[in-house]
Amino acid sequence: MRFRIIVAGKPALAYSKTAVAEYLKRLERHGSYDLIIVKAGDRESVSQRLLDASEGCYRVAMDERGIKPTTRDLAKSFEDLEISGEVKTIAFLIGAADGHTPEIRKKSHMTLSLSSLTMQHELALIVLLEQLYRLASIKAGSPYHRD
């Protein structure tokens, strides 16, 4: 299965650039993980760019109003999708400062929360990448994740 992480705007803060590069490097050995950056802007135009960039993918909108599964539950959900053979690419959609439009949530297959707290999008990107690395580690049977 392929993964696309689609985010509005390039990471600008030094710590986020470093963390994003580190997790993308770690993920290289676990499969196909592509970071796609769309131009930031107003909520409606960003939402349209996110939808366009995720066309044909299983969409996961990252939003504090989403479900809050455990890491193991999320790993199981994605494993089930992979086993079904119906999903080839999962796209994670991270919006800009104004968040997602209701249309994004409606057109997504899943709305996932990393926290009940609202996060700055660069921080959300780092947390998502760490969780994807954790999921890949679980799948590979490595001891990174501990319950």
Protein backbone atom coordinates (compact mmCIF):
# COMPACT_ATOMS: atom_id res chain seq x y z
CA MET A 1 0.00 0.00 0.00
CA ARG A 2 1.15 3.51 -0.77
CA PHE A 3 0.77 6.51 1.51
CA ARG A 4 0.45 10.16 0.54
CA ILE A 5 0.73 12.88 3.10
CA ILE A 6 -0.78 16.00 1.55
CA VAL A 7 -0.25 19.22 3.45
CA ALA A 8 -1.06 22.86 2.76
CA GLY A 9 2.15 24.89 2.72
CA LYS A 10 5.79 23.93 3.15
CA PRO A 11 7.07 23.46 6.68
CA ALA A 12 8.86 26.70 7.56
CA LEU A 13 9.99 26.22 11.14
CA ALA A 14 13.47 24.75 11.58
CA TYR A 15 12.38 22.04 14.01
CA SER A 16 9.62 20.87 11.70
CA LYS A 17 11.88 20.72 8.64
CA THR A 18 14.32 18.57 10.61
CA ALA A 19 11.64 16.28 12.02
CA VAL A 20 9.86 15.84 8.68
CA ALA A 21 13.14 14.93 6.97
CA GLU A 22 14.00 12.48 9.77
CA TYR A 23 10.68 10.62 9.67
CA LEU A 24 10.57 10.50 5.87
CA LYS A 25 14.07 9.00 5.95
CA ARG A 26 12.97 6.39 8.52
CA LEU A 27 9.89 5.53 6.46
CA GLU A 28 11.88 4.92 3.24
CA ARG A 29 12.66 1.33 4.20
CA HIS A 30 9.01 0.59 5.01
CA GLY A 31 7.35 1.34 1.68
CA SER A 32 6.07 4.22 -0.37
CA TYR A 33 5.46 7.42 1.59
CA ASP A 34 5.13 10.60 -0.46
CA LEU A 35 4.92 14.08 0.98
CA ILE A 36 2.92 16.34 -1.31
CA ILE A 37 2.75 20.04 -0.56
CA VAL A 38 -0.08 22.09 -2.00
CA LYS A 39 -0.15 25.86 -2.04
CA ALA A 40 -1.58 27.44 1.10
CA GLY A 41 -4.39 29.95 0.84
CA ASP A 42 -7.97 30.40 1.94
CA ARG A 43 -9.89 27.43 3.32
CA GLU A 44 -11.94 26.79 0.19
CA SER A 45 -9.04 26.87 -2.27
CA VAL A 46 -6.82 24.73 -0.01
CA SER A 47 -9.63 22.22 0.40
CA GLN A 48 -10.04 21.97 -3.37
CA ARG A 49 -6.29 21.46 -3.85
CA LEU A 50 -6.30 18.73 -1.19
CA LEU A 51 -9.22 16.99 -2.89
CA ASP A 52 -7.54 17.24 -6.29
CA ALA A 53 -4.23 15.85 -4.96
CA SER A 54 -6.02 12.92 -3.29
CA GLU A 55 -8.27 11.94 -6.20
CA GLY A 56 -8.65 8.16 -6.37
CA CYS A 57 -7.18 7.62 -2.88
CA TYR A 58 -8.68 6.49 0.38
CA ARG A 59 -8.92 9.90 2.04
CA VAL A 60 -8.14 10.50 5.69
CA ALA A 61 -8.91 14.06 6.78
CA MET A 62 -6.80 15.07 9.76
CA ASP A 63 -9.13 17.00 12.06
CA GLU A 64 -9.51 17.34 15.83
CA ARG A 65 -13.20 16.36 15.43
CA GLY A 66 -12.27 12.94 14.05
CA ILE A 67 -12.05 9.52 15.60
CA LYS A 68 -9.35 8.87 18.19
CA PRO A 69 -8.28 5.24 17.80
CA THR A 70 -5.35 3.68 19.61
CA THR A 71 -2.22 3.14 17.57
CA ARG A 72 -2.91 -0.62 17.49
CA ASP A 73 -6.50 -0.04 16.33
CA LEU A 74 -5.31 2.26 13.56
CA ALA A 75 -2.69 -0.30 12.51
CA LYS A 76 -5.44 -2.95 12.34
CA SER A 77 -7.72 -0.67 10.29
CA PHE A 78 -5.01 -0.04 7.71
CA GLU A 79 -4.02 -3.71 7.66
CA ASP A 80 -7.66 -4.61 6.95
CA LEU A 81 -7.74 -2.09 4.10
CA GLU A 82 -4.56 -3.56 2.64
CA ILE A 83 -5.83 -7.14 2.92
CA SER A 84 -9.11 -6.21 1.23
CA GLY A 85 -7.14 -5.23 -1.86
CA GLU A 86 -9.59 -2.43 -2.59
CA VAL A 87 -7.32 0.37 -1.37
CA LYS A 88 -4.02 1.03 -3.12
CA THR A 89 -3.21 4.47 -1.69
CA ILE A 90 -4.16 6.18 1.55
CA ALA A 91 -3.97 9.98 1.46
CA PHE A 92 -3.75 11.97 4.69
CA LEU A 93 -5.04 15.53 4.29
CA ILE A 94 -3.65 18.26 6.51
CA GLY A 95 -5.24 21.66 5.96
CA ALA A 96 -3.91 25.14 6.60
CA ALA A 97 -4.59 27.46 9.52
CA ASP A 98 -8.34 27.64 8.92
CA GLY A 99 -8.81 23.86 8.88
CA HIS A 100 -10.94 21.78 6.55
CA THR A 101 -14.23 22.63 4.92
CA PRO A 102 -17.23 20.41 5.67
CA GLU A 103 -16.86 19.17 2.07
CA ILE A 104 -13.44 17.65 2.83
CA ARG A 105 -14.82 15.78 5.82
CA LYS A 106 -17.80 14.61 3.75
CA LYS A 107 -15.63 13.38 0.86
CA SER A 108 -13.14 11.63 3.15
CA HIS A 109 -13.44 7.98 4.05
CA MET A 110 -12.14 8.68 7.54
CA THR A 111 -11.70 11.74 9.73
CA LEU A 112 -8.84 11.14 12.12
CA SER A 113 -7.83 13.14 15.16
CA LEU A 114 -4.30 13.18 16.52
CA SER A 115 -5.55 15.04 19.61
CA SER A 116 -8.62 16.79 20.93
CA LEU A 117 -6.48 19.91 20.88
CA THR A 118 -6.17 22.03 17.76
CA MET A 119 -2.63 21.75 16.38
CA GLN A 120 -0.60 24.02 14.17
CA HIS A 121 -0.37 22.20 10.82
CA GLU A 122 3.42 21.76 10.92
CA LEU A 123 3.17 20.07 14.30
CA ALA A 124 0.30 17.90 13.07
CA LEU A 125 2.50 16.81 10.14
CA ILE A 126 5.28 15.73 12.51
CA VAL A 127 2.90 13.83 14.79
CA LEU A 128 1.29 12.12 11.79
CA LEU A 129 4.68 11.10 10.36
CA GLU A 130 5.74 9.69 13.72
CA GLN A 131 2.52 7.68 13.92
CA LEU A 132 2.99 6.38 10.38
CA TYR A 133 6.50 5.30 11.34
CA ARG A 134 5.06 3.63 14.45
CA LEU A 135 2.45 1.81 12.32
CA ALA A 136 5.14 0.67 9.88
CA SER A 137 7.23 -0.58 12.81
CA ILE A 138 4.30 -2.56 14.18
CA LYS A 139 3.75 -4.13 10.77
CA ALA A 140 7.45 -4.98 10.50
CA GLY A 141 7.48 -6.48 13.99
CA SER A 142 10.12 -4.11 15.31
CA PRO A 143 10.15 -3.18 19.02
CA TYR A 144 9.66 0.58 18.43
CA HIS A 145 6.02 0.54 19.60
CA ARG A 146 5.35 -0.54 23.15
CA ASP A 147 1.88 -1.06 24.56
